[in-house]
Protein backbone atom coordinates (compact mmCIF):
# COMPACT_ATOMS: atom_id res chain seq x y z
CA MET A 1 96.70 -70.90 7.42
CA PRO A 2 98.54 -73.74 9.16
CA ASP A 3 99.49 -73.46 12.83
CA LYS A 4 102.03 -70.63 13.28
CA LYS A 5 104.68 -73.11 14.48
CA ALA A 6 104.32 -75.02 11.23
CA ARG A 7 103.96 -72.01 8.94
CA PRO A 8 106.14 -72.44 5.85
CA SER A 9 108.73 -69.94 4.70
CA PHE A 10 107.17 -67.22 2.59
CA ILE A 11 107.21 -67.83 -1.15
CA PRO A 12 106.19 -64.99 -3.47
CA GLY A 13 102.72 -65.82 -4.68
CA LEU A 14 103.50 -65.67 -8.39
CA ALA A 15 106.33 -68.21 -7.98
CA LEU A 16 104.03 -70.34 -5.82
CA ALA A 17 101.33 -70.27 -8.49
CA GLU A 18 103.73 -71.14 -11.30
CA GLY A 19 105.16 -74.09 -9.38
CA PHE A 20 101.66 -75.23 -8.44
CA TYR A 21 100.65 -75.24 -12.09
CA ARG A 22 103.79 -76.85 -13.52
CA GLU A 23 104.25 -79.49 -10.83
CA ILE A 24 100.66 -80.29 -9.88
CA VAL A 25 97.82 -78.87 -11.97
CA GLY A 26 99.39 -79.23 -15.41
CA PRO A 27 100.33 -82.90 -14.98
CA ILE A 28 96.88 -83.75 -13.57
CA LEU A 29 95.17 -82.09 -16.55
CA ALA A 30 97.51 -83.84 -19.00
CA ALA A 31 96.67 -87.22 -17.51
CA ARG A 32 92.89 -86.75 -17.28
CA PHE A 33 92.19 -84.32 -20.14
CA PRO A 34 95.05 -84.95 -22.62
CA ALA A 35 93.33 -83.24 -25.56
CA LEU A 36 92.34 -80.12 -23.61
CA ARG A 37 93.29 -76.85 -25.31
CA TYR A 38 93.84 -74.12 -22.76
CA SER A 39 95.97 -71.30 -21.44
CA ALA A 40 97.06 -71.09 -17.80
CA ALA A 41 98.13 -67.94 -15.99
CA LEU A 42 97.90 -65.75 -12.94
CA ILE A 43 96.72 -62.27 -13.91
CA GLY A 44 94.17 -59.77 -12.60
CA HIS A 45 93.41 -59.39 -8.90
CA GLY A 46 96.07 -59.89 -6.26
CA SER A 47 99.20 -58.26 -4.88
CA GLU A 48 101.14 -61.34 -5.94
CA VAL A 49 100.20 -60.67 -9.57
CA LEU A 50 102.00 -57.32 -9.25
CA GLN A 51 104.85 -59.04 -7.37
CA PHE A 52 104.35 -56.75 -4.39
CA ASP A 53 103.07 -59.41 -1.96
CA THR A 54 104.66 -60.06 1.41
CA GLU A 55 103.97 -62.56 4.17
CA MET A 56 101.09 -60.36 5.36
CA SER A 57 99.42 -60.93 1.98
CA THR A 58 98.88 -64.59 2.82
CA ASP A 59 95.97 -63.78 5.13
CA HIS A 60 93.36 -63.54 2.33
CA ASN A 61 92.86 -64.35 -1.36
CA TRP A 62 96.42 -65.68 -1.59
CA GLY A 63 97.79 -69.17 -2.03
CA PRO A 64 98.32 -71.92 -4.61
CA ARG A 65 95.99 -70.78 -7.36
CA VAL A 66 95.82 -70.70 -11.16
CA ILE A 67 93.45 -69.37 -13.80
CA LEU A 68 92.63 -71.73 -16.66
CA PHE A 69 91.33 -70.26 -19.91
CA LEU A 70 89.26 -72.68 -22.00
CA THR A 71 87.62 -72.49 -25.42
CA PRO A 72 83.92 -71.58 -25.20
CA GLU A 73 82.95 -75.14 -26.21
CA GLU A 74 85.15 -76.87 -23.64
CA TYR A 75 84.21 -74.34 -20.99
CA GLU A 76 80.57 -75.36 -21.35
CA LEU A 77 81.33 -79.08 -21.55
CA LYS A 78 84.22 -79.58 -19.15
CA ARG A 79 84.54 -76.80 -16.57
CA ASP A 80 82.52 -78.65 -13.95
CA ALA A 81 84.35 -81.91 -14.63
CA ILE A 82 87.72 -80.14 -14.34
CA ARG A 83 86.78 -78.56 -11.03
CA THR A 84 85.46 -81.81 -9.60
CA PHE A 85 88.42 -83.87 -10.77
CA LEU A 86 90.94 -81.40 -9.36
CA SER A 87 89.07 -81.26 -6.05
CA ARG A 88 89.65 -85.01 -5.76
CA GLU A 89 93.18 -85.25 -7.14
CA LEU A 90 94.96 -82.18 -5.80
CA PRO A 91 97.26 -82.75 -2.83
CA LEU A 92 96.07 -81.17 0.40
CA THR A 93 99.17 -78.96 0.58
CA TYR A 94 101.71 -77.53 -1.80
CA ARG A 95 105.09 -76.33 -0.51
CA GLY A 96 103.64 -76.25 2.98
CA TYR A 97 100.56 -74.20 2.08
CA PRO A 98 97.04 -75.65 2.01
CA THR A 99 95.52 -75.96 -1.44
CA ASN A 100 92.10 -75.72 0.21
CA PHE A 101 90.36 -72.36 0.60
CA SER A 102 87.52 -71.26 2.83
CA GLU A 103 84.18 -70.36 1.35
CA PRO A 104 83.90 -66.70 0.30
CA ASN A 105 83.25 -64.43 3.28
CA PRO A 106 80.21 -62.24 2.51
CA GLU A 107 81.22 -59.82 5.28
CA ASP A 108 84.68 -59.29 3.75
CA ASN A 109 83.96 -58.70 0.06
CA GLY A 110 83.90 -62.42 -0.63
CA SER A 111 87.52 -62.94 0.41
CA GLN A 112 88.83 -66.46 0.93
CA THR A 113 91.56 -67.72 3.25
CA LEU A 114 93.75 -70.81 3.23
CA HIS A 115 92.18 -73.53 5.35
CA SER A 116 93.91 -76.78 6.31
CA ILE A 117 91.94 -80.00 5.91
CA SER A 118 92.80 -83.63 6.68
CA SER A 119 90.98 -85.15 3.71
CA GLY A 120 89.40 -84.09 0.44
CA PRO A 121 87.64 -82.88 -1.53
CA VAL A 122 89.71 -79.71 -1.88
CA ASN A 123 87.92 -76.37 -2.26
CA HIS A 124 90.63 -75.14 -4.61
CA ARG A 125 91.12 -71.94 -6.54
CA VAL A 126 91.92 -73.30 -9.96
CA GLU A 127 89.43 -71.02 -11.67
CA THR A 128 88.14 -71.45 -15.22
CA TYR A 129 87.17 -68.78 -17.74
CA THR A 130 86.94 -68.31 -21.44
CA LEU A 131 89.26 -65.59 -22.73
CA GLY A 132 86.28 -63.43 -23.59
CA GLY A 133 84.59 -64.14 -20.27
CA PHE A 134 87.59 -63.08 -18.24
CA PHE A 135 88.03 -59.73 -20.00
CA THR A 136 84.29 -59.08 -19.91
CA ASP A 137 84.24 -59.80 -16.19
CA TYR A 138 87.38 -57.85 -15.32
CA LEU A 139 87.26 -54.90 -17.74
CA ASN A 140 83.78 -55.12 -19.29
CA ILE A 141 85.16 -55.16 -22.81
CA ASP A 142 84.61 -57.41 -25.81
CA ILE A 143 87.98 -58.75 -26.96
CA ASN A 144 86.54 -59.27 -30.44
CA VAL A 145 85.99 -55.52 -30.87
CA ASN A 146 88.79 -52.97 -31.12
CA LEU A 147 88.88 -50.41 -28.32
CA GLU A 148 88.12 -46.85 -29.35
CA PRO A 149 90.36 -44.09 -27.91
CA ILE A 150 87.78 -42.96 -25.37
CA ASP A 151 87.33 -46.56 -24.19
CA TRP A 152 90.91 -46.44 -22.92
CA LEU A 153 89.97 -43.52 -20.68
CA THR A 154 87.38 -45.67 -18.90
CA LEU A 155 89.85 -48.46 -18.04
CA PRO A 156 91.44 -47.93 -14.61
CA GLN A 157 95.22 -47.90 -14.69
CA GLN A 158 95.37 -50.29 -11.76
CA LYS A 159 93.44 -52.85 -13.80
CA LEU A 160 95.49 -52.29 -16.94
CA ARG A 161 98.58 -52.97 -14.87
CA ALA A 162 96.99 -56.12 -13.42
CA VAL A 163 96.13 -57.69 -16.80
CA THR A 164 99.59 -56.98 -18.21
CA ALA A 165 101.42 -58.10 -15.05
CA GLY A 166 101.49 -61.61 -13.59
CA LYS A 167 102.61 -64.46 -15.82
CA VAL A 168 101.28 -66.85 -18.44
CA PHE A 169 102.39 -70.42 -17.69
CA ARG A 170 100.96 -72.09 -20.78
CA ASP A 171 99.37 -70.46 -23.81
CA GLY A 172 97.37 -72.71 -26.03
CA LEU A 173 94.71 -70.10 -26.84
CA GLY A 174 96.60 -66.85 -27.50
CA LEU A 175 96.28 -65.12 -24.14
CA GLU A 176 99.61 -63.34 -24.60
CA GLU A 177 98.46 -61.78 -27.86
CA ILE A 178 95.42 -60.36 -26.10
CA ARG A 179 97.54 -59.03 -23.22
CA LYS A 180 99.83 -57.26 -25.71
CA ARG A 181 96.89 -55.07 -26.75
CA PHE A 182 96.92 -53.50 -23.30
CA LEU A 183 100.67 -53.00 -22.85
CA TRP A 184 100.36 -49.25 -23.35
CA TYR A 185 98.02 -46.48 -24.38
CA PRO A 186 97.57 -45.28 -27.95
CA HIS A 187 99.84 -42.25 -28.34
CA ASP A 188 97.23 -39.47 -28.26
CA VAL A 189 95.42 -41.07 -25.31
CA TRP A 190 98.74 -41.09 -23.45
CA LEU A 191 99.30 -37.42 -24.31
CA TYR A 192 95.83 -36.50 -23.09
CA ILE A 193 96.42 -38.21 -19.73
CA LEU A 194 99.83 -36.54 -19.33
CA ALA A 195 98.20 -33.19 -20.07
CA SER A 196 95.53 -33.83 -17.45
CA LEU A 197 98.09 -34.48 -14.72
CA TRP A 198 100.03 -31.32 -15.57
CA ALA A 199 96.69 -29.48 -15.40
CA ARG A 200 96.08 -30.87 -11.88
CA ILE A 201 99.53 -29.70 -10.81
CA GLY A 202 98.85 -26.25 -12.27
CA GLN A 203 95.57 -26.02 -10.37
CA ASP A 204 96.99 -27.02 -6.98
CA GLU A 205 100.60 -25.86 -6.85
CA HIS A 206 99.96 -22.30 -5.64
CA LEU A 207 97.26 -23.40 -3.18
CA MET A 208 99.76 -25.25 -1.00
CA GLY A 209 101.55 -22.00 -0.15
CA ARG A 210 98.35 -20.00 0.11
CA ALA A 211 96.96 -22.33 2.76
CA GLY A 212 100.24 -22.18 4.67
CA LEU A 213 100.46 -18.40 4.52
CA ALA A 214 96.94 -18.26 5.96
CA GLY A 215 98.17 -20.26 8.95
CA ASP A 216 96.69 -23.59 7.87
CA GLU A 217 99.70 -25.91 7.88
CA ASN A 218 97.50 -29.01 7.96
CA GLY A 219 95.66 -27.85 4.85
CA SER A 220 98.97 -26.98 3.21
CA ALA A 221 100.32 -30.46 3.98
CA LEU A 222 97.21 -32.09 2.51
CA ILE A 223 97.58 -30.15 -0.74
CA ALA A 224 101.28 -31.00 -0.84
CA ALA A 225 100.41 -34.68 -0.49
CA ARG A 226 98.00 -34.40 -3.42
CA LEU A 227 100.76 -32.81 -5.47
CA VAL A 228 103.23 -35.53 -4.50
CA ARG A 229 100.77 -38.20 -5.59
CA ASP A 230 100.24 -36.48 -8.96
CA ILE A 231 103.99 -36.08 -9.47
CA MET A 232 104.50 -39.78 -8.75
CA ARG A 233 101.74 -40.78 -11.15
CA LEU A 234 103.03 -38.42 -13.82
CA ALA A 235 106.54 -39.83 -13.46
CA MET A 236 105.18 -43.36 -13.83
CA LEU A 237 103.24 -42.44 -16.95
CA MET A 238 106.25 -40.67 -18.42
CA GLU A 239 108.17 -43.92 -17.97
CA ARG A 240 105.25 -45.83 -19.48
CA GLU A 241 104.26 -47.65 -16.33
CA TYR A 242 100.62 -47.98 -15.28
CA PRO A 243 100.24 -46.78 -11.66
CA PRO A 244 98.84 -49.51 -9.38
CA TYR A 245 96.18 -49.04 -6.73
CA PRO A 246 97.16 -46.71 -3.85
CA LYS A 247 98.54 -49.38 -1.50
CA TRP A 248 101.37 -50.09 -3.93
CA LEU A 249 101.83 -46.70 -5.62
CA GLY A 250 104.89 -45.78 -3.56
CA THR A 251 106.41 -49.23 -4.05
CA ALA A 252 105.93 -49.12 -7.82
CA PHE A 253 107.22 -45.54 -7.99
CA SER A 254 110.37 -46.50 -6.07
CA ARG A 255 111.33 -48.85 -8.90
CA LEU A 256 111.32 -46.12 -11.57
CA LYS A 257 114.54 -44.76 -13.01
CA SER A 258 113.43 -41.26 -12.01
CA ALA A 259 112.84 -42.30 -8.40
CA THR A 260 116.56 -41.99 -7.67
CA LYS A 261 116.27 -38.21 -7.96
CA LEU A 262 112.58 -37.65 -7.33
CA GLY A 263 112.11 -40.03 -4.40
CA PRO A 264 114.19 -38.21 -1.75
CA VAL A 265 112.80 -34.82 -2.80
CA LEU A 266 109.20 -36.00 -2.54
CA SER A 267 109.89 -37.64 0.82
CA ASP A 268 111.26 -34.34 2.10
CA ALA A 269 108.16 -32.53 0.83
CA LEU A 270 105.88 -34.94 2.67
CA HIS A 271 107.79 -34.60 5.94
CA ALA A 272 108.36 -30.84 5.83
CA ALA A 273 107.20 -28.85 8.87
CA SER A 274 106.30 -25.60 7.08
CA TRP A 275 104.84 -24.53 3.79
CA GLN A 276 108.08 -22.79 2.84
CA GLU A 277 109.98 -26.07 3.21
CA ARG A 278 107.32 -27.92 1.26
CA GLU A 279 107.52 -25.35 -1.51
CA SER A 280 111.29 -25.68 -1.73
CA HIS A 281 111.15 -29.46 -2.09
CA LEU A 282 108.19 -29.41 -4.47
CA CYS A 283 109.93 -26.87 -6.69
CA ALA A 284 112.94 -29.17 -6.92
CA ALA A 285 110.56 -31.99 -7.92
CA TYR A 286 108.83 -29.81 -10.53
CA GLU A 287 112.13 -29.02 -12.18
CA ILE A 288 113.10 -32.70 -12.34
CA LEU A 289 109.68 -33.50 -13.79
CA ALA A 290 110.00 -30.71 -16.36
CA GLU A 291 113.36 -32.07 -17.50
CA MET A 292 111.78 -35.50 -17.84
CA HIS A 293 109.05 -33.95 -19.99
CA ASN A 294 111.62 -32.29 -22.24
CA ASN A 295 113.51 -35.56 -22.60
CA LEU A 296 110.35 -37.21 -23.96
CA LYS A 297 110.44 -34.75 -26.90
CA ILE A 298 106.66 -34.88 -27.24
CA THR A 299 106.57 -31.06 -27.42
CA GLY A 300 109.12 -28.37 -28.02
CA PRO A 301 111.39 -27.55 -25.07
CA ILE A 302 109.69 -25.87 -22.11
CA SER A 303 111.65 -23.95 -19.48
CA PRO A 304 112.04 -26.13 -16.37
CA GLU A 305 112.55 -23.14 -14.08
CA VAL A 306 110.00 -22.22 -11.44
CA SER A 307 108.68 -18.67 -11.13
CA LEU A 308 106.39 -16.60 -8.92
CA PHE A 309 102.65 -17.11 -9.17
CA TRP A 310 101.71 -13.72 -10.61
CA GLU A 311 102.15 -11.13 -7.87
CA ARG A 312 101.86 -13.62 -5.02
CA PRO A 313 104.89 -14.95 -3.11
CA PHE A 314 104.51 -18.59 -4.22
CA ARG A 315 106.91 -20.38 -6.54
CA VAL A 316 105.33 -22.64 -9.15
CA ILE A 317 106.24 -24.49 -12.35
CA ARG A 318 103.00 -23.38 -14.06
CA GLY A 319 101.75 -26.81 -14.99
CA GLU A 320 99.29 -25.32 -17.44
CA ARG A 321 102.22 -24.48 -19.77
CA PHE A 322 102.89 -28.17 -20.21
CA THR A 323 99.19 -28.95 -20.61
CA ALA A 324 98.82 -26.40 -23.40
CA ALA A 325 101.92 -27.60 -25.23
CA ILE A 326 100.90 -31.27 -25.03
CA VAL A 327 97.31 -30.66 -26.11
CA LYS A 328 98.55 -29.00 -29.32
CA GLN A 329 100.13 -32.31 -30.33
CA ILE A 330 96.89 -34.33 -30.06
CA GLN A 331 95.33 -35.22 -33.41
CA GLU A 332 93.02 -38.14 -32.61
CA PRO A 333 89.45 -36.97 -33.50
CA GLN A 334 87.86 -38.56 -30.41
CA ILE A 335 90.40 -36.97 -28.07
CA THR A 336 90.78 -33.51 -29.64
CA PRO A 337 87.36 -32.22 -28.45
CA LEU A 338 88.10 -33.41 -24.91
CA SER A 339 91.35 -31.49 -24.81
CA LYS A 340 89.76 -28.16 -25.77
CA CYS A 341 88.53 -27.76 -22.21
CA SER A 342 90.61 -28.48 -19.13
CA PRO A 343 91.45 -32.17 -19.61
CA ILE A 344 90.12 -34.46 -16.90
CA GLY A 345 92.21 -37.43 -17.99
CA SER A 346 91.31 -41.09 -17.49
CA ILE A 347 88.86 -42.29 -14.86
CA ASP A 348 91.51 -42.76 -12.17
CA ILE A 349 92.89 -39.25 -12.63
CA PHE A 350 89.66 -37.58 -11.51
CA THR A 351 88.40 -40.11 -8.95
CA ASP A 352 90.00 -42.38 -6.40
CA ASN A 353 86.74 -44.03 -5.38
CA ASN A 354 87.68 -47.70 -5.36
CA ASP A 355 84.12 -48.95 -5.86
CA MET A 356 83.92 -46.95 -9.08
CA LEU A 357 87.32 -48.12 -10.29
CA GLU A 358 86.72 -51.79 -9.50
CA ASP A 359 83.11 -52.13 -10.67
CA ALA A 360 83.48 -53.00 -14.34
CA SER A 361 79.71 -52.73 -14.88
CA LEU A 362 80.04 -48.94 -14.60
CA ARG A 363 82.31 -48.64 -17.64
CA PRO A 364 79.53 -47.91 -20.18
CA VAL A 365 78.22 -45.15 -17.92
CA LEU A 366 81.69 -43.68 -17.52
CA ARG A 367 82.16 -43.72 -21.27
CA LYS A 368 79.34 -41.20 -21.60
CA LEU A 369 81.49 -38.65 -19.73
CA TYR A 370 83.73 -38.53 -22.78
CA GLU A 371 81.17 -38.76 -25.58
């Protein structure tokens, strides 16, 4: 970054990238490669793609950058020439930010930072891919083959959000049509994932009180936090929004319609001092969530009232009721066998290991869990 005294006013990264393309990169390409067929966008990795970036985001992997998508033929013939030409012709700064990036840092997952220089060439981040190459690299899928229902379960929600977020600045190759394929789950896949989250709630909801009654308030609070996370994710999926990675889950949730009612209740549950208080706030959240479920009309109406957990003094919504009702509506042959046992949902429902979620090479292995 430039010296702090000269640091420019923060510009959201997606707006910065669009301006960089339209004012700088696009005109340079038009002058030097007038016949080039390509799409230009900013999708995939980056908080700015999700439009959640702040000034703190500028410290790594952020800045004037664009992804160019080329035809396979022009990728092979021109990608090196495009990179070299841009390194010579790009200005050293754009809107006060360097266009030059450091080399990838091997000790920080290959991250790059903005680095001011006084003369070129510019180590820029105008990256080139083919359409197929990008989706193979990011999701490990072949865009020429239709996804099967169980393939959807192996695609992390945070990545599905990232490829459908961001913005396409120019589309000469049909990138938008490809992105439309990922806008939302096939219906029965969606139902299966909803059922899995209700199952998680049903498994954990009575344990929060049990831990508290045993004198373990820390354990009770941890279980409550798990429940809050599942409620937030379930609310997002009910509103047909892919949950992002954990850093931005609360931010994305806060923008839901349901967050007006659910948000304060969940905040109270997280900050409660006793298991009884947590239970009270969680029960209020369960009832809101149950009403949301009924409003979807994906099953017959289910009572939104909480009740005692058998003979024990814990109030629960009995999440398994919703799981059972949803599973009955699933007809997709690949999903029906999975729903006969307790549904585990998509990959990010049963694991939060970031290495597993981000490593696209693991997708074929994960697919075997569902076969």
